[in-house]
Amino acid sequence: MLTEPAFTETELALRWNISPKTLQRWRCEGVGPPYIKLSKAVRYPVDDIVAYEQANRLGMPNDAALPPLTAALPIVQPPPPSAPEPKRYYLNEAFALIAQYGSLAAAEAALTEAHDETQG
């Protein structure tokens, strides 16, 4: 079975640098490129996207090439993990730990060691 290529809502939004919500609003208003909707899946056929872009191009000659439809999507790298936030203590807890262990760092080390022993 041959099927024509189509963009998802997210892919088309990335191509045009607009929000997917804009495409959703356009569908409600009856504007924008033609789309196919099967259940909840919305697809924009590539031929219709090209035709819509050709019909709405401004400031370019009609024979100028459009960006390729199969261009690789930009790879978004996740942000590096940040350092864990230090534990926060109430003032009376901090004073009690300092009195018992000499410093908060020593108290945290002792408590972590005790926790590891109970887990292992």
C-alpha atoms as a PDB file:
ATOM      1  CA  MET A   1       0.000   0.000   0.000  1.00  0.00           C
ATOM      2  CA  LEU A   2       1.501   3.328  -1.028  1.00  0.00           C
ATOM      3  CA  THR A   3       0.930   6.318   1.149  1.00  0.00           C
ATOM      4  CA  GLU A   4       1.993   9.865   0.525  1.00  0.00           C
ATOM      5  CA  PRO A   5       4.377  11.414   3.057  1.00  0.00           C
ATOM      6  CA  ALA A   6       2.852  13.706   5.621  1.00  0.00           C
ATOM      7  CA  PHE A   7       4.047  15.888   8.492  1.00  0.00           C
ATOM      8  CA  THR A   8       2.725  15.684  12.002  1.00  0.00           C
ATOM      9  CA  GLU A   9       1.543  18.844  13.713  1.00  0.00           C
ATOM     10  CA  THR A  10       4.812  19.062  15.664  1.00  0.00           C
ATOM     11  CA  GLU A  11       6.979  18.576  12.574  1.00  0.00           C
ATOM     12  CA  LEU A  12       5.157  21.291  10.649  1.00  0.00           C
ATOM     13  CA  ALA A  13       5.308  23.656  13.636  1.00  0.00           C
ATOM     14  CA  LEU A  14       9.090  23.113  13.822  1.00  0.00           C
ATOM     15  CA  ARG A  15       9.458  23.689  10.065  1.00  0.00           C
ATOM     16  CA  TRP A  16       7.565  26.968  10.202  1.00  0.00           C
ATOM     17  CA  ASN A  17       8.920  27.992  13.610  1.00  0.00           C
ATOM     18  CA  ILE A  18       5.450  28.406  15.080  1.00  0.00           C
ATOM     19  CA  SER A  19       3.651  26.832  18.005  1.00  0.00           C
ATOM     20  CA  PRO A  20       1.589  23.671  17.513  1.00  0.00           C
ATOM     21  CA  LYS A  21      -1.202  25.643  19.242  1.00  0.00           C
ATOM     22  CA  THR A  22      -1.141  28.052  16.273  1.00  0.00           C
ATOM     23  CA  LEU A  23      -1.820  25.172  13.891  1.00  0.00           C
ATOM     24  CA  GLN A  24      -4.624  23.971  16.173  1.00  0.00           C
ATOM     25  CA  ARG A  25      -6.156  27.463  16.199  1.00  0.00           C
ATOM     26  CA  TRP A  26      -5.869  27.705  12.417  1.00  0.00           C
ATOM     27  CA  ARG A  27      -7.730  24.417  12.040  1.00  0.00           C
ATOM     28  CA  CYS A  28     -10.551  25.735  14.251  1.00  0.00           C
ATOM     29  CA  GLU A  29     -10.689  28.977  12.244  1.00  0.00           C
ATOM     30  CA  GLY A  30     -10.593  27.140   8.906  1.00  0.00           C
ATOM     31  CA  VAL A  31      -7.316  28.707   7.780  1.00  0.00           C
ATOM     32  CA  GLY A  32      -3.876  27.257   7.124  1.00  0.00           C
ATOM     33  CA  PRO A  33      -2.855  24.306   5.000  1.00  0.00           C
ATOM     34  CA  PRO A  34      -5.162  21.364   4.292  1.00  0.00           C
ATOM     35  CA  TYR A  35      -4.908  18.525   6.786  1.00  0.00           C
ATOM     36  CA  ILE A  36      -6.112  14.992   7.343  1.00  0.00           C
ATOM     37  CA  LYS A  37      -7.589  13.974  10.683  1.00  0.00           C
ATOM     38  CA  LEU A  38      -8.182  10.359  11.629  1.00  0.00           C
ATOM     39  CA  SER A  39      -9.403  10.070  15.189  1.00  0.00           C
ATOM     40  CA  LYS A  40      -6.931  12.249  17.129  1.00  0.00           C
ATOM     41  CA  ALA A  41      -4.075  11.984  14.594  1.00  0.00           C
ATOM     42  CA  VAL A  42      -3.606  15.096  12.448  1.00  0.00           C
ATOM     43  CA  ARG A  43      -1.359  14.921   9.386  1.00  0.00           C
ATOM     44  CA  TYR A  44      -0.399  17.526   6.809  1.00  0.00           C
ATOM     45  CA  PRO A  45       0.367  15.992   3.378  1.00  0.00           C
ATOM     46  CA  VAL A  46       3.709  17.167   1.988  1.00  0.00           C
ATOM     47  CA  ASP A  47       2.217  18.131  -1.390  1.00  0.00           C
ATOM     48  CA  ASP A  48      -0.336  20.355   0.355  1.00  0.00           C
ATOM     49  CA  ILE A  49       2.381  21.967   2.497  1.00  0.00           C
ATOM     50  CA  VAL A  50       4.435  22.800  -0.599  1.00  0.00           C
ATOM     51  CA  ALA A  51       1.359  24.188  -2.374  1.00  0.00           C
ATOM     52  CA  TYR A  52       0.450  26.299   0.674  1.00  0.00           C
ATOM     53  CA  GLU A  53       4.004  27.629   0.965  1.00  0.00           C
ATOM     54  CA  GLN A  54       4.091  28.453  -2.757  1.00  0.00           C
ATOM     55  CA  ALA A  55       0.757  30.274  -2.520  1.00  0.00           C
ATOM     56  CA  ASN A  56       1.839  32.312   0.513  1.00  0.00           C
ATOM     57  CA  ARG A  57       5.443  33.179  -0.337  1.00  0.00           C
ATOM     58  CA  LEU A  58       6.348  36.832  -0.165  1.00  0.00           C
ATOM     59  CA  GLY A  59       9.519  38.635  -1.181  1.00  0.00           C
ATOM     60  CA  MET A  60      10.843  35.694  -3.187  1.00  0.00           C
ATOM     61  CA  PRO A  61      10.507  34.889  -6.865  1.00  0.00           C
ATOM     62  CA  ASN A  62       8.082  32.039  -7.509  1.00  0.00           C
ATOM     63  CA  ASP A  63      10.823  29.909  -9.001  1.00  0.00           C
ATOM     64  CA  ALA A  64      13.073  30.190  -5.915  1.00  0.00           C
ATOM     65  CA  ALA A  65      13.652  26.886  -4.167  1.00  0.00           C
ATOM     66  CA  LEU A  66      11.838  26.210  -0.917  1.00  0.00           C
ATOM     67  CA  PRO A  67      13.663  24.647   2.035  1.00  0.00           C
ATOM     68  CA  PRO A  68      13.897  20.871   1.671  1.00  0.00           C
ATOM     69  CA  LEU A  69      11.097  18.948   3.333  1.00  0.00           C
ATOM     70  CA  THR A  70      13.359  16.113   4.371  1.00  0.00           C
ATOM     71  CA  ALA A  71      15.920  18.268   6.160  1.00  0.00           C
ATOM     72  CA  ALA A  72      17.087  16.746   9.393  1.00  0.00           C
ATOM     73  CA  LEU A  73      15.335  18.121  12.437  1.00  0.00           C
ATOM     74  CA  PRO A  74      17.626  19.875  14.893  1.00  0.00           C
ATOM     75  CA  ILE A  75      18.849  17.656  17.682  1.00  0.00           C
ATOM     76  CA  VAL A  76      17.888  19.093  21.014  1.00  0.00           C
ATOM     77  CA  GLN A  77      20.341  18.168  23.737  1.00  0.00           C
ATOM     78  CA  PRO A  78      18.911  17.822  27.237  1.00  0.00           C
ATOM     79  CA  PRO A  79      20.403  20.258  29.736  1.00  0.00           C
ATOM     80  CA  PRO A  80      23.231  18.837  31.801  1.00  0.00           C
ATOM     81  CA  PRO A  81      22.138  17.610  35.204  1.00  0.00           C
ATOM     82  CA  SER A  82      22.579  20.247  37.840  1.00  0.00           C
ATOM     83  CA  ALA A  83      24.227  19.614  41.169  1.00  0.00           C
ATOM     84  CA  PRO A  84      21.777  18.358  43.780  1.00  0.00           C
ATOM     85  CA  GLU A  85      20.487  21.040  46.087  1.00  0.00           C
ATOM     86  CA  PRO A  86      21.997  20.813  49.558  1.00  0.00           C
ATOM     87  CA  LYS A  87      19.738  19.558  52.332  1.00  0.00           C
ATOM     88  CA  ARG A  88      18.026  22.315  54.256  1.00  0.00           C
ATOM     89  CA  TYR A  89      17.767  22.201  58.031  1.00  0.00           C
ATOM     90  CA  TYR A  90      15.698  24.046  60.545  1.00  0.00           C
ATOM     91  CA  LEU A  91      17.876  26.144  62.804  1.00  0.00           C
ATOM     92  CA  ASN A  92      17.279  23.952  65.861  1.00  0.00           C
ATOM     93  CA  GLU A  93      18.135  20.819  63.816  1.00  0.00           C
ATOM     94  CA  ALA A  94      21.344  22.411  62.534  1.00  0.00           C
ATOM     95  CA  PHE A  95      22.448  23.404  66.042  1.00  0.00           C
ATOM     96  CA  ALA A  96      21.709  19.915  67.377  1.00  0.00           C
ATOM     97  CA  LEU A  97      23.694  18.259  64.580  1.00  0.00           C
ATOM     98  CA  ILE A  98      26.620  20.661  65.004  1.00  0.00           C
ATOM     99  CA  ALA A  99      26.623  20.031  68.764  1.00  0.00           C
ATOM    100  CA  GLN A 100      26.609  16.257  68.210  1.00  0.00           C
ATOM    101  CA  TYR A 101      28.990  15.905  65.238  1.00  0.00           C
ATOM    102  CA  GLY A 102      31.002  19.157  65.257  1.00  0.00           C
ATOM    103  CA  SER A 103      29.838  20.381  61.820  1.00  0.00           C
ATOM    104  CA  LEU A 104      26.991  19.879  59.364  1.00  0.00           C
ATOM    105  CA  ALA A 105      29.362  18.238  56.864  1.00  0.00           C
ATOM    106  CA  ALA A 106      30.437  15.653  59.467  1.00  0.00           C
ATOM    107  CA  ALA A 107      26.802  15.081  60.454  1.00  0.00           C
ATOM    108  CA  GLU A 108      25.727  14.523  56.833  1.00  0.00           C
ATOM    109  CA  ALA A 109      28.644  12.120  56.257  1.00  0.00           C
ATOM    110  CA  ALA A 110      27.751  10.135  59.395  1.00  0.00           C
ATOM    111  CA  LEU A 111      24.052  10.061  58.530  1.00  0.00           C
ATOM    112  CA  THR A 112      24.768   8.977  54.938  1.00  0.00           C
ATOM    113  CA  GLU A 113      27.080   6.229  56.194  1.00  0.00           C
ATOM    114  CA  ALA A 114      24.446   5.028  58.657  1.00  0.00           C
ATOM    115  CA  HIS A 115      21.795   5.061  55.901  1.00  0.00           C
ATOM    116  CA  ASP A 116      24.065   3.048  53.583  1.00  0.00           C
ATOM    117  CA  GLU A 117      24.684   0.444  56.303  1.00  0.00           C
ATOM    118  CA  THR A 118      20.955  -0.061  56.877  1.00  0.00           C
ATOM    119  CA  GLN A 119      20.345  -0.388  53.111  1.00  0.00           C
ATOM    120  CA  GLY A 120      23.250  -2.794  52.463  1.00  0.00           C
END
